[in-house]
């Protein structure tokens, strides 16, 4: 229990709490004689000394004395029952810190001042917290189901990819199952954070290399010269390849839609594979440009020198993208990024 309290205390210190309207509930007595804005955070309610003085209809000095005695007698520990919040007045003046106390302290003070208000508040607070926890559990369950659905989507896509291949090789099977096992790793990592959706994380923001239509075409030409191919290999059918290069640097409201190296690389792999910009060799070109972009930005290899993504895994990913539906774009990009981010090495 003490360990849990200490962990909660650490969270409170790290979060830079704000006493804002987003987590405030209104408490009113039955006769409307008292109205308080109650802070709801960390599965409990919080009151300042001034608010407790209002609630119990006692002078603030009385509340201060009781809190001091509660801590001095060892009934409660200040580290786990009090927290500092940054308070910003409605006038938008400079913020300042206020100290608030959780329900354990509030109830203890209520007993000491022998206030009926304390009993009424405890009943109200327990009901509010129960509703809050039930709502939080429901939200968490919804998020878990979303993660599960995304995982099912990947499995379904993998199965469809295998069924559409004439004779999948052992390496292709291994690559596809590596994709799914690594994606499970990504979901497990994200599940350690409560109330969060699957997100792009642990990516590289520094980009020393900028892809252009011209340098990408040079790389494609070099690929053709080195490995050969049909007369139609890398023959552009339209302007869509130029558009794909531009799209990975697309912005909205002055912000990049794909702000990291990994996200741009994933989108490049997806767009070149799906747009069929060339008469022949689209998947090979897409895979090559993906590696080319990562390499030029210095993130293809991990710190220990191994590739962030294996050859078989890249083949499997490219096949999965090729067979994916348009509405599966976001999940495919998430899969790629989670396979090459800095955590999955």
C-alpha atoms as a PDB file:
ATOM      1  CA  UNK A   1       0.000   0.000   0.000  1.00  0.00           C
ATOM      2  CA  UNK A   2       2.824   2.335   0.905  1.00  0.00           C
ATOM      3  CA  UNK A   3       4.532   1.574  -2.446  1.00  0.00           C
ATOM      4  CA  UNK A   4       1.322   2.408  -4.294  1.00  0.00           C
ATOM      5  CA  UNK A   5       1.017   5.692  -2.394  1.00  0.00           C
ATOM      6  CA  UNK A   6       4.635   6.582  -3.165  1.00  0.00           C
ATOM      7  CA  UNK A   7       4.131   5.816  -6.865  1.00  0.00           C
ATOM      8  CA  UNK A   8       1.013   7.965  -6.909  1.00  0.00           C
ATOM      9  CA  UNK A   9       2.927  10.731  -5.199  1.00  0.00           C
ATOM     10  CA  UNK A  10       5.682  10.523  -7.831  1.00  0.00           C
ATOM     11  CA  UNK A  11       3.072  10.740 -10.589  1.00  0.00           C
ATOM     12  CA  UNK A  12       1.589  13.826  -8.962  1.00  0.00           C
ATOM     13  CA  UNK A  13       4.983  15.499  -8.787  1.00  0.00           C
ATOM     14  CA  UNK A  14       5.860  14.655 -12.409  1.00  0.00           C
ATOM     15  CA  UNK A  15       2.568  15.687 -13.981  1.00  0.00           C
ATOM     16  CA  UNK A  16       2.810  19.419 -13.198  1.00  0.00           C
ATOM     17  CA  UNK A  17      -0.821  19.473 -12.022  1.00  0.00           C
ATOM     18  CA  UNK A  18      -3.075  22.282 -13.064  1.00  0.00           C
ATOM     19  CA  UNK A  19      -6.118  23.388 -11.095  1.00  0.00           C
ATOM     20  CA  UNK A  20      -8.185  23.854 -14.241  1.00  0.00           C
ATOM     21  CA  UNK A  21     -11.857  23.498 -15.173  1.00  0.00           C
ATOM     22  CA  UNK A  22     -11.383  20.198 -17.012  1.00  0.00           C
ATOM     23  CA  UNK A  23     -11.481  18.099 -13.826  1.00  0.00           C
ATOM     24  CA  UNK A  24     -13.735  20.191 -11.571  1.00  0.00           C
ATOM     25  CA  UNK A  25     -17.094  19.027 -10.189  1.00  0.00           C
ATOM     26  CA  UNK A  26     -19.543  21.236  -8.315  1.00  0.00           C
ATOM     27  CA  UNK A  27     -20.550  20.323  -4.757  1.00  0.00           C
ATOM     28  CA  UNK A  28     -23.669  21.898  -3.262  1.00  0.00           C
ATOM     29  CA  UNK A  29     -25.303  21.275   0.103  1.00  0.00           C
ATOM     30  CA  UNK A  30     -29.011  20.451   0.092  1.00  0.00           C
ATOM     31  CA  UNK A  31     -29.912  23.940   1.289  1.00  0.00           C
ATOM     32  CA  UNK A  32     -27.523  25.481  -1.281  1.00  0.00           C
ATOM     33  CA  UNK A  33     -25.800  27.184   1.614  1.00  0.00           C
ATOM     34  CA  UNK A  34     -22.384  25.976   0.427  1.00  0.00           C
ATOM     35  CA  UNK A  35     -21.137  25.633  -3.145  1.00  0.00           C
ATOM     36  CA  UNK A  36     -17.601  24.431  -3.835  1.00  0.00           C
ATOM     37  CA  UNK A  37     -15.655  23.649  -6.990  1.00  0.00           C
ATOM     38  CA  UNK A  38     -14.045  20.292  -6.196  1.00  0.00           C
ATOM     39  CA  UNK A  39     -10.901  19.068  -7.919  1.00  0.00           C
ATOM     40  CA  UNK A  40     -11.215  15.456  -9.138  1.00  0.00           C
ATOM     41  CA  UNK A  41      -7.845  13.822  -9.871  1.00  0.00           C
ATOM     42  CA  UNK A  42      -5.946  10.572  -9.229  1.00  0.00           C
ATOM     43  CA  UNK A  43      -9.146   8.702  -8.291  1.00  0.00           C
ATOM     44  CA  UNK A  44      -9.909  11.034  -5.387  1.00  0.00           C
ATOM     45  CA  UNK A  45     -11.203  14.526  -4.617  1.00  0.00           C
ATOM     46  CA  UNK A  46      -9.128  17.480  -3.466  1.00  0.00           C
ATOM     47  CA  UNK A  47      -9.898  20.540  -1.316  1.00  0.00           C
ATOM     48  CA  UNK A  48      -7.722  23.434  -0.217  1.00  0.00           C
ATOM     49  CA  UNK A  49      -7.675  24.586   3.399  1.00  0.00           C
ATOM     50  CA  UNK A  50      -9.870  27.549   2.453  1.00  0.00           C
ATOM     51  CA  UNK A  51     -12.454  25.201   0.906  1.00  0.00           C
ATOM     52  CA  UNK A  52     -12.424  22.947   3.970  1.00  0.00           C
ATOM     53  CA  UNK A  53     -12.996  26.005   6.141  1.00  0.00           C
ATOM     54  CA  UNK A  54     -16.072  26.799   4.004  1.00  0.00           C
ATOM     55  CA  UNK A  55     -17.301  23.221   4.024  1.00  0.00           C
ATOM     56  CA  UNK A  56     -16.989  22.692   7.781  1.00  0.00           C
ATOM     57  CA  UNK A  57     -17.861  26.305   8.632  1.00  0.00           C
ATOM     58  CA  UNK A  58     -14.747  26.744  10.724  1.00  0.00           C
ATOM     59  CA  UNK A  59     -11.970  29.296  10.690  1.00  0.00           C
ATOM     60  CA  UNK A  60      -9.078  28.432   8.401  1.00  0.00           C
ATOM     61  CA  UNK A  61      -6.680  28.411  11.386  1.00  0.00           C
ATOM     62  CA  UNK A  62      -8.712  25.555  12.903  1.00  0.00           C
ATOM     63  CA  UNK A  63      -8.392  23.539   9.681  1.00  0.00           C
ATOM     64  CA  UNK A  64      -4.644  24.230   9.537  1.00  0.00           C
ATOM     65  CA  UNK A  65      -4.186  23.041  13.131  1.00  0.00           C
ATOM     66  CA  UNK A  66      -6.101  19.812  12.532  1.00  0.00           C
ATOM     67  CA  UNK A  67      -4.154  18.983   9.367  1.00  0.00           C
ATOM     68  CA  UNK A  68      -0.886  19.625  11.193  1.00  0.00           C
ATOM     69  CA  UNK A  69      -1.947  17.268  14.001  1.00  0.00           C
ATOM     70  CA  UNK A  70      -3.102  14.567  11.541  1.00  0.00           C
ATOM     71  CA  UNK A  71       0.363  14.509  10.025  1.00  0.00           C
ATOM     72  CA  UNK A  72       2.234  14.890  13.324  1.00  0.00           C
ATOM     73  CA  UNK A  73       0.356  11.935  14.852  1.00  0.00           C
ATOM     74  CA  UNK A  74       1.171   9.771  11.836  1.00  0.00           C
ATOM     75  CA  UNK A  75      -2.505   9.172  11.005  1.00  0.00           C
ATOM     76  CA  UNK A  76      -1.778  10.087   7.390  1.00  0.00           C
ATOM     77  CA  UNK A  77       1.339  10.887   5.365  1.00  0.00           C
ATOM     78  CA  UNK A  78       1.542  14.286   3.655  1.00  0.00           C
ATOM     79  CA  UNK A  79       3.480  12.828   0.696  1.00  0.00           C
ATOM     80  CA  UNK A  80       0.525  10.704  -0.412  1.00  0.00           C
ATOM     81  CA  UNK A  81      -2.421  12.861   0.716  1.00  0.00           C
ATOM     82  CA  UNK A  82      -1.454  16.370  -0.393  1.00  0.00           C
ATOM     83  CA  UNK A  83      -0.405  17.838  -3.716  1.00  0.00           C
ATOM     84  CA  UNK A  84       0.511  21.182  -5.201  1.00  0.00           C
ATOM     85  CA  UNK A  85      -1.507  22.449  -8.144  1.00  0.00           C
ATOM     86  CA  UNK A  86      -0.786  25.350 -10.474  1.00  0.00           C
ATOM     87  CA  UNK A  87      -3.770  27.687 -10.233  1.00  0.00           C
ATOM     88  CA  UNK A  88      -4.527  30.128 -13.048  1.00  0.00           C
ATOM     89  CA  UNK A  89      -7.103  32.789 -12.074  1.00  0.00           C
ATOM     90  CA  UNK A  90      -9.982  33.585 -14.431  1.00  0.00           C
ATOM     91  CA  UNK A  91      -8.420  37.022 -14.878  1.00  0.00           C
ATOM     92  CA  UNK A  92      -5.530  35.233 -16.640  1.00  0.00           C
ATOM     93  CA  UNK A  93      -3.073  36.731 -14.193  1.00  0.00           C
ATOM     94  CA  UNK A  94       0.132  34.948 -13.391  1.00  0.00           C
ATOM     95  CA  UNK A  95      -0.423  31.412 -12.058  1.00  0.00           C
ATOM     96  CA  UNK A  96       0.552  30.424  -8.538  1.00  0.00           C
ATOM     97  CA  UNK A  97       0.758  27.197  -6.544  1.00  0.00           C
ATOM     98  CA  UNK A  98      -1.925  26.033  -4.138  1.00  0.00           C
ATOM     99  CA  UNK A  99      -1.824  23.025  -1.820  1.00  0.00           C
ATOM    100  CA  UNK A 100      -4.812  20.690  -1.796  1.00  0.00           C
ATOM    101  CA  UNK A 101      -5.665  17.645   0.317  1.00  0.00           C
ATOM    102  CA  UNK A 102      -7.344  14.411  -0.708  1.00  0.00           C
ATOM    103  CA  UNK A 103     -10.489  12.736   0.618  1.00  0.00           C
ATOM    104  CA  UNK A 104      -8.634  10.916   3.420  1.00  0.00           C
ATOM    105  CA  UNK A 105      -7.544  14.230   4.937  1.00  0.00           C
ATOM    106  CA  UNK A 106     -10.958  15.825   4.361  1.00  0.00           C
ATOM    107  CA  UNK A 107     -12.751  12.985   6.196  1.00  0.00           C
ATOM    108  CA  UNK A 108     -10.229  13.043   9.045  1.00  0.00           C
ATOM    109  CA  UNK A 109     -10.621  16.797   9.495  1.00  0.00           C
ATOM    110  CA  UNK A 110     -14.407  16.346   9.380  1.00  0.00           C
ATOM    111  CA  UNK A 111     -14.263  13.869  12.271  1.00  0.00           C
ATOM    112  CA  UNK A 112     -12.071  16.182  14.312  1.00  0.00           C
ATOM    113  CA  UNK A 113     -14.308  19.219  13.912  1.00  0.00           C
ATOM    114  CA  UNK A 114     -17.374  16.986  14.526  1.00  0.00           C
ATOM    115  CA  UNK A 115     -19.175  18.431  11.530  1.00  0.00           C
ATOM    116  CA  UNK A 116     -22.309  16.920  10.017  1.00  0.00           C
ATOM    117  CA  UNK A 117     -21.167  18.553   6.802  1.00  0.00           C
ATOM    118  CA  UNK A 118     -18.229  16.144   6.794  1.00  0.00           C
ATOM    119  CA  UNK A 119     -20.502  13.097   6.741  1.00  0.00           C
ATOM    120  CA  UNK A 120     -22.651  14.611   3.983  1.00  0.00           C
ATOM    121  CA  UNK A 121     -19.556  15.421   1.934  1.00  0.00           C
ATOM    122  CA  UNK A 122     -18.109  11.923   2.395  1.00  0.00           C
ATOM    123  CA  UNK A 123     -21.333  10.339   1.089  1.00  0.00           C
ATOM    124  CA  UNK A 124     -21.374  12.708  -1.895  1.00  0.00           C
ATOM    125  CA  UNK A 125     -17.655  12.219  -2.652  1.00  0.00           C
ATOM    126  CA  UNK A 126     -17.867   8.426  -2.545  1.00  0.00           C
ATOM    127  CA  UNK A 127     -20.761   8.473  -5.024  1.00  0.00           C
ATOM    128  CA  UNK A 128     -18.883  10.844  -7.349  1.00  0.00           C
ATOM    129  CA  UNK A 129     -15.745   8.715  -7.178  1.00  0.00           C
ATOM    130  CA  UNK A 130     -17.694   5.526  -7.848  1.00  0.00           C
ATOM    131  CA  UNK A 131     -19.257   7.103 -10.948  1.00  0.00           C
ATOM    132  CA  UNK A 132     -15.839   8.395 -11.991  1.00  0.00           C
ATOM    133  CA  UNK A 133     -14.162   5.004 -11.621  1.00  0.00           C
ATOM    134  CA  UNK A 134     -16.971   3.186 -13.455  1.00  0.00           C
ATOM    135  CA  UNK A 135     -16.720   5.695 -16.297  1.00  0.00           C
ATOM    136  CA  UNK A 136     -12.926   5.350 -16.339  1.00  0.00           C
ATOM    137  CA  UNK A 137     -13.182   1.557 -16.427  1.00  0.00           C
ATOM    138  CA  UNK A 138     -15.630   1.769 -19.333  1.00  0.00           C
ATOM    139  CA  UNK A 139     -13.273   4.062 -21.242  1.00  0.00           C
ATOM    140  CA  UNK A 140     -10.338   1.750 -20.557  1.00  0.00           C
ATOM    141  CA  UNK A 141     -12.337  -1.260 -21.741  1.00  0.00           C
ATOM    142  CA  UNK A 142     -13.244   0.616 -24.913  1.00  0.00           C
ATOM    143  CA  UNK A 143      -9.562   1.361 -25.549  1.00  0.00           C
ATOM    144  CA  UNK A 144      -8.626  -2.278 -24.924  1.00  0.00           C
ATOM    145  CA  UNK A 145     -11.276  -3.351 -27.423  1.00  0.00           C
ATOM    146  CA  UNK A 146      -9.919  -0.882 -29.959  1.00  0.00           C
ATOM    147  CA  UNK A 147      -6.419  -2.344 -29.517  1.00  0.00           C
ATOM    148  CA  UNK A 148      -7.873  -5.828 -29.898  1.00  0.00           C
ATOM    149  CA  UNK A 149      -9.750  -4.789 -33.029  1.00  0.00           C
ATOM    150  CA  UNK A 150      -6.590  -3.320 -34.550  1.00  0.00           C
ATOM    151  CA  UNK A 151      -4.774  -6.559 -33.801  1.00  0.00           C
ATOM    152  CA  UNK A 152      -7.579  -8.562 -35.417  1.00  0.00           C
ATOM    153  CA  UNK A 153      -7.361  -6.285 -38.461  1.00  0.00           C
ATOM    154  CA  UNK A 154      -3.664  -7.042 -38.837  1.00  0.00           C
ATOM    155  CA  UNK A 155      -4.284 -10.789 -38.472  1.00  0.00           C
ATOM    156  CA  UNK A 156      -7.073 -10.648 -41.062  1.00  0.00           C
ATOM    157  CA  UNK A 157      -4.864  -8.721 -43.461  1.00  0.00           C
ATOM    158  CA  UNK A 158      -2.014 -11.183 -42.931  1.00  0.00           C
ATOM    159  CA  UNK A 159      -4.340 -14.103 -43.665  1.00  0.00           C
ATOM    160  CA  UNK A 160      -5.633 -12.421 -46.793  1.00  0.00           C
ATOM    161  CA  UNK A 161      -2.087 -11.734 -47.971  1.00  0.00           C
ATOM    162  CA  UNK A 162      -1.110 -15.381 -47.534  1.00  0.00           C
ATOM    163  CA  UNK A 163      -4.228 -16.637 -49.310  1.00  0.00           C
ATOM    164  CA  UNK A 164      -3.533 -14.437 -52.327  1.00  0.00           C
ATOM    165  CA  UNK A 165       0.032 -15.688 -52.742  1.00  0.00           C
ATOM    166  CA  UNK A 166       0.288 -18.740 -54.984  1.00  0.00           C
ATOM    167  CA  UNK A 167       2.902 -20.578 -52.944  1.00  0.00           C
ATOM    168  CA  UNK A 168       4.200 -18.583 -49.993  1.00  0.00           C
ATOM    169  CA  UNK A 169       7.774 -19.546 -49.141  1.00  0.00           C
ATOM    170  CA  UNK A 170       8.982 -20.364 -45.653  1.00  0.00           C
ATOM    171  CA  UNK A 171      10.725 -16.982 -45.528  1.00  0.00           C
ATOM    172  CA  UNK A 172       7.498 -15.182 -46.440  1.00  0.00           C
ATOM    173  CA  UNK A 173       5.641 -17.038 -43.688  1.00  0.00           C
ATOM    174  CA  UNK A 174       8.404 -16.167 -41.221  1.00  0.00           C
ATOM    175  CA  UNK A 175       8.343 -12.531 -42.289  1.00  0.00           C
ATOM    176  CA  UNK A 176       4.580 -12.230 -41.899  1.00  0.00           C
ATOM    177  CA  UNK A 177       4.607 -13.785 -38.450  1.00  0.00           C
ATOM    178  CA  UNK A 178       7.482 -11.520 -37.457  1.00  0.00           C
ATOM    179  CA  UNK A 179       5.243  -8.582 -38.412  1.00  0.00           C
ATOM    180  CA  UNK A 180       2.427  -9.788 -36.188  1.00  0.00           C
ATOM    181  CA  UNK A 181       4.668 -10.637 -33.220  1.00  0.00           C
ATOM    182  CA  UNK A 182       6.360  -7.248 -33.373  1.00  0.00           C
ATOM    183  CA  UNK A 183       3.012  -5.498 -33.593  1.00  0.00           C
ATOM    184  CA  UNK A 184       1.821  -7.371 -30.503  1.00  0.00           C
ATOM    185  CA  UNK A 185       4.952  -6.014 -28.811  1.00  0.00           C
ATOM    186  CA  UNK A 186       3.901  -2.501 -29.781  1.00  0.00           C
ATOM    187  CA  UNK A 187       0.393  -2.974 -28.376  1.00  0.00           C
ATOM    188  CA  UNK A 188       1.728  -4.460 -25.143  1.00  0.00           C
ATOM    189  CA  UNK A 189       4.021  -1.468 -24.729  1.00  0.00           C
ATOM    190  CA  UNK A 190       1.149   0.948 -25.236  1.00  0.00           C
ATOM    191  CA  UNK A 191      -1.118  -0.992 -22.885  1.00  0.00           C
ATOM    192  CA  UNK A 192       1.144  -0.022 -20.011  1.00  0.00           C
ATOM    193  CA  UNK A 193      -0.211   3.507 -20.297  1.00  0.00           C
ATOM    194  CA  UNK A 194      -3.752   3.917 -18.978  1.00  0.00           C
ATOM    195  CA  UNK A 195      -6.314   5.736 -21.096  1.00  0.00           C
ATOM    196  CA  UNK A 196      -4.140   6.129 -24.186  1.00  0.00           C
ATOM    197  CA  UNK A 197      -4.845   5.191 -27.755  1.00  0.00           C
ATOM    198  CA  UNK A 198      -2.356   3.519 -30.026  1.00  0.00           C
ATOM    199  CA  UNK A 199       0.019   6.294 -30.987  1.00  0.00           C
ATOM    200  CA  UNK A 200       3.190   6.974 -32.928  1.00  0.00           C
ATOM    201  CA  UNK A 201       5.982   7.066 -30.358  1.00  0.00           C
ATOM    202  CA  UNK A 202       9.767   6.880 -29.950  1.00  0.00           C
ATOM    203  CA  UNK A 203      10.466   8.274 -33.399  1.00  0.00           C
ATOM    204  CA  UNK A 204      13.275  10.376 -34.887  1.00  0.00           C
ATOM    205  CA  UNK A 205      12.620  14.083 -35.434  1.00  0.00           C
ATOM    206  CA  UNK A 206      16.031  15.075 -36.790  1.00  0.00           C
ATOM    207  CA  UNK A 207      16.107  14.771 -40.591  1.00  0.00           C
ATOM    208  CA  UNK A 208      19.477  15.504 -42.204  1.00  0.00           C
ATOM    209  CA  UNK A 209      18.201  14.183 -45.548  1.00  0.00           C
ATOM    210  CA  UNK A 210      15.320  15.560 -47.620  1.00  0.00           C
ATOM    211  CA  UNK A 211      13.841  13.381 -50.360  1.00  0.00           C
ATOM    212  CA  UNK A 212      12.990  15.037 -53.670  1.00  0.00           C
ATOM    213  CA  UNK A 213      11.568  13.735 -56.912  1.00  0.00           C
ATOM    214  CA  UNK A 214      14.972  14.182 -58.557  1.00  0.00           C
ATOM    215  CA  UNK A 215      17.133  12.323 -56.006  1.00  0.00           C
ATOM    216  CA  UNK A 216      14.497   9.582 -55.666  1.00  0.00           C
ATOM    217  CA  UNK A 217      14.531   9.020 -59.439  1.00  0.00           C
ATOM    218  CA  UNK A 218      18.338   8.864 -59.344  1.00  0.00           C
ATOM    219  CA  UNK A 219      18.088   6.094 -56.735  1.00  0.00           C
ATOM    220  CA  UNK A 220      15.523   4.224 -58.840  1.00  0.00           C
ATOM    221  CA  UNK A 221      17.709   4.512 -61.946  1.00  0.00           C
ATOM    222  CA  UNK A 222      20.672   3.154 -59.977  1.00  0.00           C
ATOM    223  CA  UNK A 223      18.510   0.240 -58.821  1.00  0.00           C
ATOM    224  CA  UNK A 224      17.566  -0.573 -62.412  1.00  0.00           C
ATOM    225  CA  UNK A 225      21.157  -0.359 -63.615  1.00  0.00           C
ATOM    226  CA  UNK A 226      22.403  -2.612 -60.830  1.00  0.00           C
ATOM    227  CA  UNK A 227      19.729  -5.303 -60.889  1.00  0.00           C
ATOM    228  CA  UNK A 228      18.241  -4.939 -64.342  1.00  0.00           C
ATOM    229  CA  UNK A 229      14.573  -5.480 -65.096  1.00  0.00           C
ATOM    230  CA  UNK A 230      12.077  -5.353 -67.898  1.00  0.00           C
ATOM    231  CA  UNK A 231      11.855  -2.483 -70.320  1.00  0.00           C
ATOM    232  CA  UNK A 232       8.825  -1.282 -68.350  1.00  0.00           C
ATOM    233  CA  UNK A 233      10.616  -1.352 -65.002  1.00  0.00           C
ATOM    234  CA  UNK A 234      10.533   2.128 -63.346  1.00  0.00           C
ATOM    235  CA  UNK A 235       8.679   3.553 -66.350  1.00  0.00           C
ATOM    236  CA  UNK A 236       6.419   6.292 -64.942  1.00  0.00           C
ATOM    237  CA  UNK A 237       2.781   6.020 -65.998  1.00  0.00           C
ATOM    238  CA  UNK A 238       1.737   9.446 -64.685  1.00  0.00           C
ATOM    239  CA  UNK A 239       2.650  12.202 -62.200  1.00  0.00           C
ATOM    240  CA  UNK A 240       1.595  10.200 -59.134  1.00  0.00           C
ATOM    241  CA  UNK A 241       5.148   9.357 -58.020  1.00  0.00           C
ATOM    242  CA  UNK A 242       6.083  13.020 -57.879  1.00  0.00           C
ATOM    243  CA  UNK A 243       2.916  13.557 -55.846  1.00  0.00           C
ATOM    244  CA  UNK A 244       3.877  10.738 -53.445  1.00  0.00           C
ATOM    245  CA  UNK A 245       7.223  12.381 -52.683  1.00  0.00           C
ATOM    246  CA  UNK A 246       5.504  15.682 -51.992  1.00  0.00           C
ATOM    247  CA  UNK A 247       2.835  14.061 -49.839  1.00  0.00           C
ATOM    248  CA  UNK A 248       5.242  12.794 -47.171  1.00  0.00           C
ATOM    249  CA  UNK A 249       6.164  16.437 -46.473  1.00  0.00           C
ATOM    250  CA  UNK A 250       2.552  17.627 -46.439  1.00  0.00           C
ATOM    251  CA  UNK A 251       1.651  20.204 -43.780  1.00  0.00           C
ATOM    252  CA  UNK A 252      -1.554  21.428 -42.191  1.00  0.00           C
ATOM    253  CA  UNK A 253      -1.744  24.670 -40.259  1.00  0.00           C
ATOM    254  CA  UNK A 254       2.016  24.997 -40.441  1.00  0.00           C
ATOM    255  CA  UNK A 255       2.587  21.560 -38.871  1.00  0.00           C
ATOM    256  CA  UNK A 256       3.874  18.480 -40.697  1.00  0.00           C
ATOM    257  CA  UNK A 257       1.367  15.645 -40.964  1.00  0.00           C
ATOM    258  CA  UNK A 258       4.254  13.159 -40.787  1.00  0.00           C
ATOM    259  CA  UNK A 259       6.761  14.864 -38.478  1.00  0.00           C
ATOM    260  CA  UNK A 260       9.262  12.025 -38.003  1.00  0.00           C
ATOM    261  CA  UNK A 261      11.659  10.093 -40.234  1.00  0.00           C
ATOM    262  CA  UNK A 262       9.824   6.845 -39.454  1.00  0.00           C
ATOM    263  CA  UNK A 263       6.399   8.232 -40.379  1.00  0.00           C
ATOM    264  CA  UNK A 264       7.666   9.681 -43.661  1.00  0.00           C
ATOM    265  CA  UNK A 265       9.389   6.394 -44.511  1.00  0.00           C
ATOM    266  CA  UNK A 266       6.215   4.430 -43.715  1.00  0.00           C
ATOM    267  CA  UNK A 267       4.097   6.735 -45.867  1.00  0.00           C
ATOM    268  CA  UNK A 268       6.632   6.535 -48.699  1.00  0.00           C
ATOM    269  CA  UNK A 269       6.485   2.728 -48.600  1.00  0.00           C
ATOM    270  CA  UNK A 270       2.692   2.802 -48.524  1.00  0.00           C
ATOM    271  CA  UNK A 271       2.173   5.401 -51.285  1.00  0.00           C
ATOM    272  CA  UNK A 272       4.657   3.976 -53.774  1.00  0.00           C
ATOM    273  CA  UNK A 273       3.282   0.464 -53.251  1.00  0.00           C
ATOM    274  CA  UNK A 274      -0.368   1.472 -53.558  1.00  0.00           C
ATOM    275  CA  UNK A 275      -0.269   4.192 -56.232  1.00  0.00           C
ATOM    276  CA  UNK A 276       1.188   1.956 -58.965  1.00  0.00           C
ATOM    277  CA  UNK A 277       3.063   4.905 -60.418  1.00  0.00           C
ATOM    278  CA  UNK A 278       5.298   2.665 -62.534  1.00  0.00           C
ATOM    279  CA  UNK A 279       4.501   0.188 -65.286  1.00  0.00           C
ATOM    280  CA  UNK A 280       6.547  -2.482 -63.491  1.00  0.00           C
ATOM    281  CA  UNK A 281       8.462  -2.928 -60.240  1.00  0.00           C
ATOM    282  CA  UNK A 282       6.282  -0.869 -57.866  1.00  0.00           C
ATOM    283  CA  UNK A 283       6.807  -3.081 -54.801  1.00  0.00           C
ATOM    284  CA  UNK A 284      10.554  -3.419 -55.366  1.00  0.00           C
ATOM    285  CA  UNK A 285      10.883   0.326 -55.869  1.00  0.00           C
ATOM    286  CA  UNK A 286       8.793   1.046 -52.772  1.00  0.00           C
ATOM    287  CA  UNK A 287      10.915  -1.251 -50.582  1.00  0.00           C
ATOM    288  CA  UNK A 288      14.148   0.189 -51.956  1.00  0.00           C
ATOM    289  CA  UNK A 289      13.026   3.810 -51.380  1.00  0.00           C
ATOM    290  CA  UNK A 290      11.936   2.933 -47.843  1.00  0.00           C
ATOM    291  CA  UNK A 291      15.444   1.642 -47.020  1.00  0.00           C
ATOM    292  CA  UNK A 292      17.059   4.476 -48.983  1.00  0.00           C
ATOM    293  CA  UNK A 293      15.155   7.117 -47.011  1.00  0.00           C
ATOM    294  CA  UNK A 294      15.910   5.523 -43.626  1.00  0.00           C
ATOM    295  CA  UNK A 295      19.577   5.031 -44.509  1.00  0.00           C
ATOM    296  CA  UNK A 296      20.111   8.591 -45.689  1.00  0.00           C
ATOM    297  CA  UNK A 297      18.541   9.856 -42.473  1.00  0.00           C
ATOM    298  CA  UNK A 298      20.814   7.630 -40.394  1.00  0.00           C
ATOM    299  CA  UNK A 299      18.132   5.458 -38.798  1.00  0.00           C
ATOM    300  CA  UNK A 300      18.220   2.247 -40.865  1.00  0.00           C
ATOM    301  CA  UNK A 301      20.622   0.630 -38.399  1.00  0.00           C
ATOM    302  CA  UNK A 302      20.240   0.392 -34.620  1.00  0.00           C
ATOM    303  CA  UNK A 303      23.013   1.399 -32.221  1.00  0.00           C
ATOM    304  CA  UNK A 304      24.436  -2.149 -32.200  1.00  0.00           C
ATOM    305  CA  UNK A 305      24.716  -2.180 -36.002  1.00  0.00           C
ATOM    306  CA  UNK A 306      21.823  -4.441 -36.982  1.00  0.00           C
ATOM    307  CA  UNK A 307      19.046  -3.369 -39.342  1.00  0.00           C
ATOM    308  CA  UNK A 308      15.921  -2.066 -37.637  1.00  0.00           C
ATOM    309  CA  UNK A 309      13.854  -4.129 -40.036  1.00  0.00           C
ATOM    310  CA  UNK A 310      14.805  -7.491 -41.528  1.00  0.00           C
ATOM    311  CA  UNK A 311      14.643  -8.227 -45.254  1.00  0.00           C
ATOM    312  CA  UNK A 312      11.909 -10.853 -44.888  1.00  0.00           C
ATOM    313  CA  UNK A 313       9.857  -8.536 -42.691  1.00  0.00           C
ATOM    314  CA  UNK A 314      10.120  -5.772 -45.286  1.00  0.00           C
ATOM    315  CA  UNK A 315       8.983  -8.164 -48.030  1.00  0.00           C
ATOM    316  CA  UNK A 316       6.032  -9.242 -45.871  1.00  0.00           C
ATOM    317  CA  UNK A 317       5.103  -5.645 -45.064  1.00  0.00           C
ATOM    318  CA  UNK A 318       5.204  -4.641 -48.718  1.00  0.00           C
ATOM    319  CA  UNK A 319       2.959  -7.567 -49.637  1.00  0.00           C
ATOM    320  CA  UNK A 320       0.541  -6.704 -46.838  1.00  0.00           C
ATOM    321  CA  UNK A 321       0.364  -3.090 -47.996  1.00  0.00           C
ATOM    322  CA  UNK A 322      -0.190  -4.185 -51.597  1.00  0.00           C
ATOM    323  CA  UNK A 323      -3.132  -6.379 -50.569  1.00  0.00           C
ATOM    324  CA  UNK A 324      -4.574  -3.934 -48.011  1.00  0.00           C
ATOM    325  CA  UNK A 325      -7.732  -1.913 -48.509  1.00  0.00           C
ATOM    326  CA  UNK A 326      -7.793   1.892 -48.623  1.00  0.00           C
ATOM    327  CA  UNK A 327      -9.465   2.129 -45.207  1.00  0.00           C
ATOM    328  CA  UNK A 328      -6.578   0.128 -43.724  1.00  0.00           C
ATOM    329  CA  UNK A 329      -3.978   2.794 -44.527  1.00  0.00           C
ATOM    330  CA  UNK A 330      -3.684   4.167 -40.991  1.00  0.00           C
ATOM    331  CA  UNK A 331      -3.187   0.780 -39.380  1.00  0.00           C
ATOM    332  CA  UNK A 332      -0.572  -0.184 -41.980  1.00  0.00           C
ATOM    333  CA  UNK A 333       1.380   3.012 -41.282  1.00  0.00           C
ATOM    334  CA  UNK A 334       1.176   2.310 -37.526  1.00  0.00           C
ATOM    335  CA  UNK A 335       2.456  -1.223 -38.076  1.00  0.00           C
ATOM    336  CA  UNK A 336       5.452   0.005 -40.078  1.00  0.00           C
ATOM    337  CA  UNK A 337       6.351   2.770 -37.616  1.00  0.00           C
ATOM    338  CA  UNK A 338       6.070   0.460 -34.603  1.00  0.00           C
ATOM    339  CA  UNK A 339       8.409  -2.002 -36.308  1.00  0.00           C
ATOM    340  CA  UNK A 340      11.140   0.580 -36.888  1.00  0.00           C
ATOM    341  CA  UNK A 341      10.786   2.949 -33.935  1.00  0.00           C
ATOM    342  CA  UNK A 342      13.526   3.336 -31.350  1.00  0.00           C
ATOM    343  CA  UNK A 343      11.888   0.989 -28.813  1.00  0.00           C
ATOM    344  CA  UNK A 344      11.634  -2.046 -31.078  1.00  0.00           C
ATOM    345  CA  UNK A 345      15.295  -2.790 -31.744  1.00  0.00           C
END
